[in-house]
């Protein structure tokens, strides 16, 4: 009986936490109390072994471009926010959380981070596609009704050259990797 009561209490706590609102997390989308908090970003630099904000394609991520990412996860919810500045104006980019940290080569970030090992989809991955304004700035927010795996949270945000394809055999693809931001625990 005590175990069932404790599970009910945890469920009620999670529900109450997810319904609290503040300026960062609208009602119904706040990460719950138990959590993973990741962040990364800065001005994009040339690829290098220890670089944490990398531009692989300086045509699509020009000199001076920057990106910031926060990814928070509780026991039942995850919220990720990406903000970019200095990218090409009025352009849509694909963006996804990836399984590995950034590295000197675009493929170093590995595959998309997946909640379960299923097919790519917005329900199983974190997609943060964005369209820049006239100044090349944008913010994208993704909310999942699942938590990051504590044993293997996402390690990077990869920005792609094209919007994410949502259907067909190439669902989840978004063209070449333009930039990468390594995530670290905060």
C-alpha atoms as a PDB file:
ATOM      1  CA  UNK A   1       0.000   0.000   0.000  1.00  0.00           C
ATOM      2  CA  UNK A   2       2.835   2.422   0.806  1.00  0.00           C
ATOM      3  CA  UNK A   3       4.416   1.910  -2.615  1.00  0.00           C
ATOM      4  CA  UNK A   4       1.140   2.607  -4.396  1.00  0.00           C
ATOM      5  CA  UNK A   5       0.576   5.699  -2.248  1.00  0.00           C
ATOM      6  CA  UNK A   6       4.076   6.954  -3.032  1.00  0.00           C
ATOM      7  CA  UNK A   7       3.526   6.435  -6.758  1.00  0.00           C
ATOM      8  CA  UNK A   8       0.238   8.327  -6.601  1.00  0.00           C
ATOM      9  CA  UNK A   9       1.943  11.157  -4.699  1.00  0.00           C
ATOM     10  CA  UNK A  10       4.748  11.321  -7.292  1.00  0.00           C
ATOM     11  CA  UNK A  11       2.141  11.372 -10.073  1.00  0.00           C
ATOM     12  CA  UNK A  12       0.284  14.225  -8.388  1.00  0.00           C
ATOM     13  CA  UNK A  13       3.538  16.134  -7.851  1.00  0.00           C
ATOM     14  CA  UNK A  14       4.493  15.701 -11.522  1.00  0.00           C
ATOM     15  CA  UNK A  15       1.060  16.893 -12.617  1.00  0.00           C
ATOM     16  CA  UNK A  16       1.221  19.929 -10.323  1.00  0.00           C
ATOM     17  CA  UNK A  17       4.725  20.823 -11.497  1.00  0.00           C
ATOM     18  CA  UNK A  18       3.790  20.525 -15.161  1.00  0.00           C
ATOM     19  CA  UNK A  19       0.884  22.918 -14.693  1.00  0.00           C
ATOM     20  CA  UNK A  20       2.882  25.704 -13.046  1.00  0.00           C
ATOM     21  CA  UNK A  21       3.684  28.621 -15.362  1.00  0.00           C
ATOM     22  CA  UNK A  22       6.385  31.216 -15.476  1.00  0.00           C
ATOM     23  CA  UNK A  23       7.935  33.425 -18.159  1.00  0.00           C
ATOM     24  CA  UNK A  24      10.203  30.597 -19.381  1.00  0.00           C
ATOM     25  CA  UNK A  25       7.790  27.670 -19.250  1.00  0.00           C
ATOM     26  CA  UNK A  26       4.120  28.253 -20.213  1.00  0.00           C
ATOM     27  CA  UNK A  27       1.395  26.420 -18.296  1.00  0.00           C
ATOM     28  CA  UNK A  28       1.372  22.709 -18.951  1.00  0.00           C
ATOM     29  CA  UNK A  29       4.918  22.636 -20.330  1.00  0.00           C
ATOM     30  CA  UNK A  30       7.266  23.264 -17.397  1.00  0.00           C
ATOM     31  CA  UNK A  31       9.858  20.569 -16.746  1.00  0.00           C
ATOM     32  CA  UNK A  32       9.023  18.719 -13.557  1.00  0.00           C
ATOM     33  CA  UNK A  33      11.220  18.825 -10.451  1.00  0.00           C
ATOM     34  CA  UNK A  34      13.575  15.915 -11.213  1.00  0.00           C
ATOM     35  CA  UNK A  35      15.794  17.038 -13.997  1.00  0.00           C
ATOM     36  CA  UNK A  36      18.494  17.153 -16.557  1.00  0.00           C
ATOM     37  CA  UNK A  37      19.552  20.663 -17.511  1.00  0.00           C
ATOM     38  CA  UNK A  38      21.808  21.101 -20.529  1.00  0.00           C
ATOM     39  CA  UNK A  39      23.020  24.200 -22.337  1.00  0.00           C
ATOM     40  CA  UNK A  40      25.575  25.371 -24.849  1.00  0.00           C
ATOM     41  CA  UNK A  41      26.359  28.020 -27.352  1.00  0.00           C
ATOM     42  CA  UNK A  42      28.301  31.043 -28.403  1.00  0.00           C
ATOM     43  CA  UNK A  43      29.716  32.594 -31.541  1.00  0.00           C
ATOM     44  CA  UNK A  44      30.353  29.914 -34.141  1.00  0.00           C
ATOM     45  CA  UNK A  45      34.022  29.174 -34.886  1.00  0.00           C
ATOM     46  CA  UNK A  46      35.963  27.020 -37.316  1.00  0.00           C
ATOM     47  CA  UNK A  47      35.971  23.275 -36.561  1.00  0.00           C
ATOM     48  CA  UNK A  48      38.577  22.315 -33.966  1.00  0.00           C
ATOM     49  CA  UNK A  49      38.925  19.409 -31.494  1.00  0.00           C
ATOM     50  CA  UNK A  50      37.714  21.329 -28.397  1.00  0.00           C
ATOM     51  CA  UNK A  51      35.364  23.823 -30.109  1.00  0.00           C
ATOM     52  CA  UNK A  52      31.831  23.886 -28.664  1.00  0.00           C
ATOM     53  CA  UNK A  53      30.102  26.163 -31.214  1.00  0.00           C
ATOM     54  CA  UNK A  54      31.161  25.210 -34.740  1.00  0.00           C
ATOM     55  CA  UNK A  55      30.305  26.511 -38.222  1.00  0.00           C
ATOM     56  CA  UNK A  56      30.851  23.834 -40.877  1.00  0.00           C
ATOM     57  CA  UNK A  57      29.386  25.941 -43.702  1.00  0.00           C
ATOM     58  CA  UNK A  58      30.225  29.646 -43.438  1.00  0.00           C
ATOM     59  CA  UNK A  59      27.997  30.452 -46.411  1.00  0.00           C
ATOM     60  CA  UNK A  60      24.886  29.406 -44.434  1.00  0.00           C
ATOM     61  CA  UNK A  61      26.294  30.269 -40.981  1.00  0.00           C
ATOM     62  CA  UNK A  62      28.306  33.444 -41.728  1.00  0.00           C
ATOM     63  CA  UNK A  63      31.159  34.859 -39.668  1.00  0.00           C
ATOM     64  CA  UNK A  64      29.777  36.302 -36.435  1.00  0.00           C
ATOM     65  CA  UNK A  65      26.744  33.975 -36.349  1.00  0.00           C
ATOM     66  CA  UNK A  66      25.866  32.571 -32.933  1.00  0.00           C
ATOM     67  CA  UNK A  67      23.585  29.954 -31.452  1.00  0.00           C
ATOM     68  CA  UNK A  68      22.401  29.138 -27.914  1.00  0.00           C
ATOM     69  CA  UNK A  69      20.562  26.017 -26.766  1.00  0.00           C
ATOM     70  CA  UNK A  70      18.965  24.975 -23.496  1.00  0.00           C
ATOM     71  CA  UNK A  71      17.439  21.549 -22.996  1.00  0.00           C
ATOM     72  CA  UNK A  72      15.653  20.676 -19.782  1.00  0.00           C
ATOM     73  CA  UNK A  73      14.010  17.424 -18.818  1.00  0.00           C
ATOM     74  CA  UNK A  74      12.149  16.279 -15.759  1.00  0.00           C
ATOM     75  CA  UNK A  75      10.680  12.876 -15.040  1.00  0.00           C
ATOM     76  CA  UNK A  76       7.935  13.202 -17.674  1.00  0.00           C
ATOM     77  CA  UNK A  77       8.534  16.290 -19.866  1.00  0.00           C
ATOM     78  CA  UNK A  78      11.336  17.844 -21.919  1.00  0.00           C
ATOM     79  CA  UNK A  79      11.621  21.401 -23.251  1.00  0.00           C
ATOM     80  CA  UNK A  80      14.359  22.586 -25.613  1.00  0.00           C
ATOM     81  CA  UNK A  81      14.937  26.156 -26.815  1.00  0.00           C
ATOM     82  CA  UNK A  82      17.337  27.226 -29.562  1.00  0.00           C
ATOM     83  CA  UNK A  83      18.121  30.865 -30.380  1.00  0.00           C
ATOM     84  CA  UNK A  84      20.264  31.927 -33.335  1.00  0.00           C
ATOM     85  CA  UNK A  85      21.613  35.289 -34.505  1.00  0.00           C
ATOM     86  CA  UNK A  86      23.546  36.337 -37.592  1.00  0.00           C
ATOM     87  CA  UNK A  87      22.362  33.522 -39.869  1.00  0.00           C
ATOM     88  CA  UNK A  88      21.082  34.225 -43.386  1.00  0.00           C
ATOM     89  CA  UNK A  89      17.878  36.282 -43.323  1.00  0.00           C
ATOM     90  CA  UNK A  90      14.490  34.808 -44.252  1.00  0.00           C
ATOM     91  CA  UNK A  91      15.765  31.245 -44.481  1.00  0.00           C
ATOM     92  CA  UNK A  92      14.444  28.037 -42.919  1.00  0.00           C
ATOM     93  CA  UNK A  93      16.990  25.698 -41.335  1.00  0.00           C
ATOM     94  CA  UNK A  94      16.469  22.231 -39.881  1.00  0.00           C
ATOM     95  CA  UNK A  95      17.738  21.712 -36.338  1.00  0.00           C
ATOM     96  CA  UNK A  96      17.791  18.597 -34.156  1.00  0.00           C
ATOM     97  CA  UNK A  97      19.313  17.376 -30.931  1.00  0.00           C
ATOM     98  CA  UNK A  98      22.002  14.762 -31.649  1.00  0.00           C
ATOM     99  CA  UNK A  99      23.440  11.819 -29.726  1.00  0.00           C
ATOM    100  CA  UNK A 100      27.140  12.838 -29.604  1.00  0.00           C
ATOM    101  CA  UNK A 101      29.113  16.051 -28.944  1.00  0.00           C
ATOM    102  CA  UNK A 102      30.273  18.202 -31.852  1.00  0.00           C
ATOM    103  CA  UNK A 103      33.675  17.535 -33.372  1.00  0.00           C
ATOM    104  CA  UNK A 104      35.907  18.717 -36.193  1.00  0.00           C
ATOM    105  CA  UNK A 105      33.822  16.764 -38.750  1.00  0.00           C
ATOM    106  CA  UNK A 106      30.058  17.335 -39.176  1.00  0.00           C
ATOM    107  CA  UNK A 107      29.315  13.624 -38.722  1.00  0.00           C
ATOM    108  CA  UNK A 108      31.027  13.589 -35.293  1.00  0.00           C
ATOM    109  CA  UNK A 109      27.703  14.596 -33.658  1.00  0.00           C
ATOM    110  CA  UNK A 110      26.317  11.205 -34.638  1.00  0.00           C
ATOM    111  CA  UNK A 111      22.651  10.436 -35.297  1.00  0.00           C
ATOM    112  CA  UNK A 112      19.613  12.293 -34.036  1.00  0.00           C
ATOM    113  CA  UNK A 113      18.940  11.868 -30.331  1.00  0.00           C
ATOM    114  CA  UNK A 114      15.953   9.522 -30.015  1.00  0.00           C
ATOM    115  CA  UNK A 115      13.707   8.911 -27.027  1.00  0.00           C
ATOM    116  CA  UNK A 116      13.247   5.324 -28.168  1.00  0.00           C
ATOM    117  CA  UNK A 117      15.074   3.533 -30.947  1.00  0.00           C
ATOM    118  CA  UNK A 118      12.269   3.840 -33.476  1.00  0.00           C
ATOM    119  CA  UNK A 119      11.870   5.635 -36.777  1.00  0.00           C
ATOM    120  CA  UNK A 120      12.689   9.359 -36.993  1.00  0.00           C
ATOM    121  CA  UNK A 121       9.683  11.494 -36.101  1.00  0.00           C
ATOM    122  CA  UNK A 122       8.885  14.676 -34.222  1.00  0.00           C
ATOM    123  CA  UNK A 123       7.319  12.435 -31.535  1.00  0.00           C
ATOM    124  CA  UNK A 124      10.543  10.465 -30.964  1.00  0.00           C
ATOM    125  CA  UNK A 125      13.195  13.150 -31.602  1.00  0.00           C
ATOM    126  CA  UNK A 126      13.702  16.824 -30.780  1.00  0.00           C
ATOM    127  CA  UNK A 127      13.244  18.943 -33.918  1.00  0.00           C
ATOM    128  CA  UNK A 128      13.879  22.684 -33.591  1.00  0.00           C
ATOM    129  CA  UNK A 129      13.543  23.948 -37.176  1.00  0.00           C
ATOM    130  CA  UNK A 130      13.491  27.733 -37.436  1.00  0.00           C
ATOM    131  CA  UNK A 131      13.001  30.498 -39.994  1.00  0.00           C
ATOM    132  CA  UNK A 132      15.180  33.570 -39.520  1.00  0.00           C
ATOM    133  CA  UNK A 133      13.914  37.143 -39.610  1.00  0.00           C
ATOM    134  CA  UNK A 134      15.410  40.045 -41.616  1.00  0.00           C
ATOM    135  CA  UNK A 135      18.399  40.168 -39.231  1.00  0.00           C
ATOM    136  CA  UNK A 136      19.059  36.419 -39.390  1.00  0.00           C
ATOM    137  CA  UNK A 137      17.676  35.767 -35.896  1.00  0.00           C
ATOM    138  CA  UNK A 138      15.171  33.172 -34.714  1.00  0.00           C
ATOM    139  CA  UNK A 139      14.058  31.175 -31.682  1.00  0.00           C
ATOM    140  CA  UNK A 140      12.549  27.690 -31.767  1.00  0.00           C
ATOM    141  CA  UNK A 141      11.007  25.761 -28.878  1.00  0.00           C
ATOM    142  CA  UNK A 142      10.220  22.038 -28.820  1.00  0.00           C
ATOM    143  CA  UNK A 143       8.243  20.329 -26.074  1.00  0.00           C
ATOM    144  CA  UNK A 144       8.053  16.577 -25.635  1.00  0.00           C
ATOM    145  CA  UNK A 145       5.775  14.602 -23.355  1.00  0.00           C
ATOM    146  CA  UNK A 146       8.715  12.342 -22.512  1.00  0.00           C
ATOM    147  CA  UNK A 147      11.947  12.837 -20.596  1.00  0.00           C
ATOM    148  CA  UNK A 148      15.561  12.609 -21.771  1.00  0.00           C
ATOM    149  CA  UNK A 149      17.174   9.290 -20.905  1.00  0.00           C
ATOM    150  CA  UNK A 150      19.251   9.972 -17.749  1.00  0.00           C
ATOM    151  CA  UNK A 151      21.929   7.478 -18.839  1.00  0.00           C
ATOM    152  CA  UNK A 152      22.302   9.065 -22.298  1.00  0.00           C
ATOM    153  CA  UNK A 153      20.929  12.612 -22.670  1.00  0.00           C
ATOM    154  CA  UNK A 154      21.385  14.545 -25.928  1.00  0.00           C
ATOM    155  CA  UNK A 155      24.910  15.869 -26.484  1.00  0.00           C
ATOM    156  CA  UNK A 156      24.537  18.514 -29.207  1.00  0.00           C
ATOM    157  CA  UNK A 157      22.313  20.655 -31.404  1.00  0.00           C
ATOM    158  CA  UNK A 158      22.999  20.332 -35.126  1.00  0.00           C
ATOM    159  CA  UNK A 159      21.708  22.992 -37.515  1.00  0.00           C
ATOM    160  CA  UNK A 160      21.036  21.709 -41.034  1.00  0.00           C
ATOM    161  CA  UNK A 161      20.880  23.434 -44.437  1.00  0.00           C
ATOM    162  CA  UNK A 162      17.235  22.542 -45.154  1.00  0.00           C
ATOM    163  CA  UNK A 163      13.948  22.192 -43.266  1.00  0.00           C
ATOM    164  CA  UNK A 164      13.276  18.755 -41.772  1.00  0.00           C
ATOM    165  CA  UNK A 165      11.345  16.447 -44.055  1.00  0.00           C
ATOM    166  CA  UNK A 166       8.324  15.137 -42.191  1.00  0.00           C
ATOM    167  CA  UNK A 167       7.047  12.318 -44.414  1.00  0.00           C
ATOM    168  CA  UNK A 168       8.202   9.532 -46.677  1.00  0.00           C
ATOM    169  CA  UNK A 169      11.351   7.462 -46.597  1.00  0.00           C
ATOM    170  CA  UNK A 170      13.517  10.532 -45.948  1.00  0.00           C
ATOM    171  CA  UNK A 171      11.492  11.738 -42.923  1.00  0.00           C
ATOM    172  CA  UNK A 172      13.800  13.332 -40.365  1.00  0.00           C
ATOM    173  CA  UNK A 173      16.461  14.379 -42.871  1.00  0.00           C
ATOM    174  CA  UNK A 174      17.344  18.038 -43.338  1.00  0.00           C
ATOM    175  CA  UNK A 175      20.325  18.231 -45.651  1.00  0.00           C
ATOM    176  CA  UNK A 176      23.985  18.928 -44.869  1.00  0.00           C
ATOM    177  CA  UNK A 177      25.138  19.903 -41.369  1.00  0.00           C
ATOM    178  CA  UNK A 178      25.781  23.658 -41.212  1.00  0.00           C
ATOM    179  CA  UNK A 179      26.663  24.187 -37.535  1.00  0.00           C
ATOM    180  CA  UNK A 180      26.893  22.335 -34.219  1.00  0.00           C
ATOM    181  CA  UNK A 181      26.618  23.332 -30.551  1.00  0.00           C
ATOM    182  CA  UNK A 182      27.861  20.949 -27.846  1.00  0.00           C
ATOM    183  CA  UNK A 183      25.607  20.635 -24.784  1.00  0.00           C
ATOM    184  CA  UNK A 184      26.959  20.454 -21.244  1.00  0.00           C
ATOM    185  CA  UNK A 185      25.200  19.923 -17.917  1.00  0.00           C
ATOM    186  CA  UNK A 186      24.462  23.095 -15.995  1.00  0.00           C
END
